[in-house]
Every structure is written in C-alpha cells, then in structure tokens.
Amino acid sequence: MNILKIYDVLPYALIISSFGFYIIGGLRIEHLILYPIAVILIGFAIRNKLPVFISHLFIHLLWLFLLIVAILATLIGNGEYLFIKALADMESFIQPLVVISIFMFAYRTYSIGKVENNLILSCKILLFLLSLNTLFIFISLFVDISEVGKHFWGSEDSVAARAATNGRYSGIFNQPLEAGVMYSLGLLCWIYISGKMRVLKINYITSLFLILIGGLITVSKIFLFGGIFLFLVGILFSKKKGTLVFWLINLSVIVGSLTYIFLLKQWSGLNYLLRFFNSSDNWIKLLTAGRFGGEDSQQVLLFNEVWKESPFFGRGFGQTPVYDSGYFQFFAVGGSIGFTLFILLLLYLSILSAIFIKQNRFQEESKFFLLINLLIIGSSIGSPTLTLNRVSLVMWIFIVLLLQFFHIERVDNNKITEAKTKKS
C-alpha cells in the first residue's frame, strides 16, 4: 500500500464524499472514507515518528481539550440526553479533530508548488460539485425530486423538504443553512482561482454564474449578506479587479434578469427573499434571523438557560436539540471553558491571517485564508460552521492545506535567511 498516494488524493476524495448520500441512519460516504484512512495514515505517522506542523498541533490540542471537556460534561451532568443525539453531536466534533490529526503530520518533503496545486485542484472540485448542485436545484423547480433527495437529506421529512415549501431550495444539502455556507466558500474558492489564472476561462465564468444562482435560490442570509459581501471584498483587493468587476457586472445583469423573467413564475421563494428587505426589524435581527438583537432574542435566551444550568462546563453532548450558532454551540457543550477555547481558536486563526498578510509573499493564498477566517467568524453567528454537516469537512480541509502552505513558506524563508547569513 502506497501511503503517499493515499495521502495525496485524500483532500479531493473527502471533498467529493462530502456531497455523498446517506448509507444507513446517519452514516454517510464521507465517514467510510475518512475514518478508515485516518487509522492507516495516523498509525503510519506515529509508527514512523513523523514530524508535525506546529500550527496544526496547537489547533489539534485546543480541539482535543474542548472534546474532553464536552465528554466529561455529558457524563457528569445532571441533564438527560439521548444517546443517539449525543453520539451525533460528538461525531461532529470528532471529525474535525481527525482531519487535523491526519494533515498535521509531514508525510513527505513538501514544496510550495505541491501544496499550491492541492489547493487549486480542491477549489476546482468544489466549484464543479456546487455547479452540479445548482443544476440539481434547477431540476427541482420543475420536478419533484424528493425520492432522490431523501438519500442525501437522510429522510423525506427533512429541513430541506420543509424549506422547499417556502421556495428555498438547497439541492443535496439537508438545509439552506448548509448550502449557504458551502456556496459562500465556493465564492471564495472562485476568487482564489481567478487570482491564480492569467486569463479567465469560460468554464470558470459559468461556474460563478451557477454558484451565484444556486446561492440565491437557497435564500440563505449567510450567503446573501456574508458570502456575497466577502466575494466583493475579494474582488476589491484583487490584482485583476478591472476584469473581475467587468464580469461581475455582466453576470449580475444576467442573474437578475433570469431571476425576474424566468424564475418569477417557477420560483416561489422570490417573495421570501424580498421580505428581508421589507422587514421592520432592526438590522441585527434581520441579519441573524432573530437569533440576536434584543434581550428576548433566541440566542440570548439560550445562553441564559445554559448559564443557569452549568456555566463552566455546559450541558455536554445530546441535550440541545439544535445549534443555530457556533458561539452558542461551544458554550452549550463546553460552558465557559468551551466558549473560551472557541474564541482562542478564532483569535489564533486571525493572528495567523495577519502574519500571512504581512509577509506579502503569496498574496492570493494570504487573501484566501483571511476570507475563510472572516467567513467562519461571521457565519458562526447563525451557524455551527466548524462542525456543520457536510460543510465542516470541506472547511477544515482548506484550513489545514493553507496552514501547510504557510508553514512551508516560513521554512523556505528561514533557509534563505540562513544562506544569506552564511554568505555574509
């Protein structure tokens, strides 16, 4: 068995599998790929005492500590929990830890070019899959695809099926929230690829069109107010700003025209979309769908509940039906300790983003990492982004690949500095 070949194709296999169907219960294709391969690769790394990337190791230790706190809170807490729900919650935290554990080991002698190719191909695969998902959404506007969709949603009575009654279509994703975050990540990948290309090819212009349409039809506030905003920021700071603005204006006209002329009759979600702009709520309530924006808002009430029950360790796994916020999720499962660890993680990623931007050697990768970090910070207000079904696997793959990239860059810089010192 060639360990290096398995490792080299793993990011692509995991991204593809994240769009896979449910096999039985909560078991998906990605589980059958990730966990067996993790045992092989991590076992190989430990047995051969492979070196680790320090940036990955710090995140690994933070996440491991959080997982231990949450498990202890589950076992010693006074609340009752459903075993299946607790197991599902725990798996959503174990999966990122496994991804970090795999990619924190140096399995080969890396080069900037190799990791750069990994990033570019991973982005291309995600854009292709999101384009297919948009085509799937188009079909669902005319044909009942619930018989096919239930294999991706987990059941016929899913959030996706109920959201479709309001005209919010998410394709293979179980809820518009998941689709909104993934389409937002797709926009950031498109910005990264466009910065690496000399000339924008028609297939990438087409993929941008499909991603904009697909994200729009999900009527996800994360996409509408987060993904598109970060996309525009990425264009603003792009070296190809003029070309990208030209294509963006043209695509906006096309997307707007299609939405008005074609989808107006077929898409019942247009009124649902427009109500965001006619709301009398304050802008915080509007952007967070009532999660924040007042003393009686959803998240304030939920935070208060957990604070009264167990302020330091939280409830643990399986005792909160739904996590509508990453910040609340970490507080709910780990209390003040879990929330602090989450903030430390975001702070650490933000510091790394600032360092990479300051180095200014690889502008596209630095910008990509910063935009992903901003997406995580912003989307976590209304989504458990780092543990979200399907989304978190892809998000963590890009995080660990970018961290590898910048680790190798620092090593190369140190070698250059040492060489200059010896010459002088």
Foldseek 3Di string as FASTA:
>chain_A
DDLVVCVLCVLVVLLVQLLFFADAFNHGPSVVSQPVNLCVQLVVCVVVVFDFQPLLVVLLVLLVVLLVLLVVLQVPAPDDFDPVQQVLLSVLSVLLSSLSSRLRGDPDDDDLVSLVVVLLVSLVSLLVVLLVQLVQQVVVLPDPCLVVLCRLQVHSPAQQNVVVVLLQHQRSYRALLLSLLSLLLSLLSLLLNVLVDPDDDPVSLVSPLSSVLNNVRNLHLLNVVPSVVLSVVSLVPGPPNVVVVVSVVVSVVVSVVCCVPPCVVRGNNPVVNCVLVVDPAPPVCSSQVQCDDDCPGVVNVLLVVQCVRPQAAANRGRPDPDQQALLSVQCRSGHPSSNVSVVVVLVSLCVVLVVVVVVVPDNSLSSSSNSLSSSCVVSRSGDSQCSDRSRNSSSSSSVSSSSVSVSNVVVVVVVVVVVVVVVD
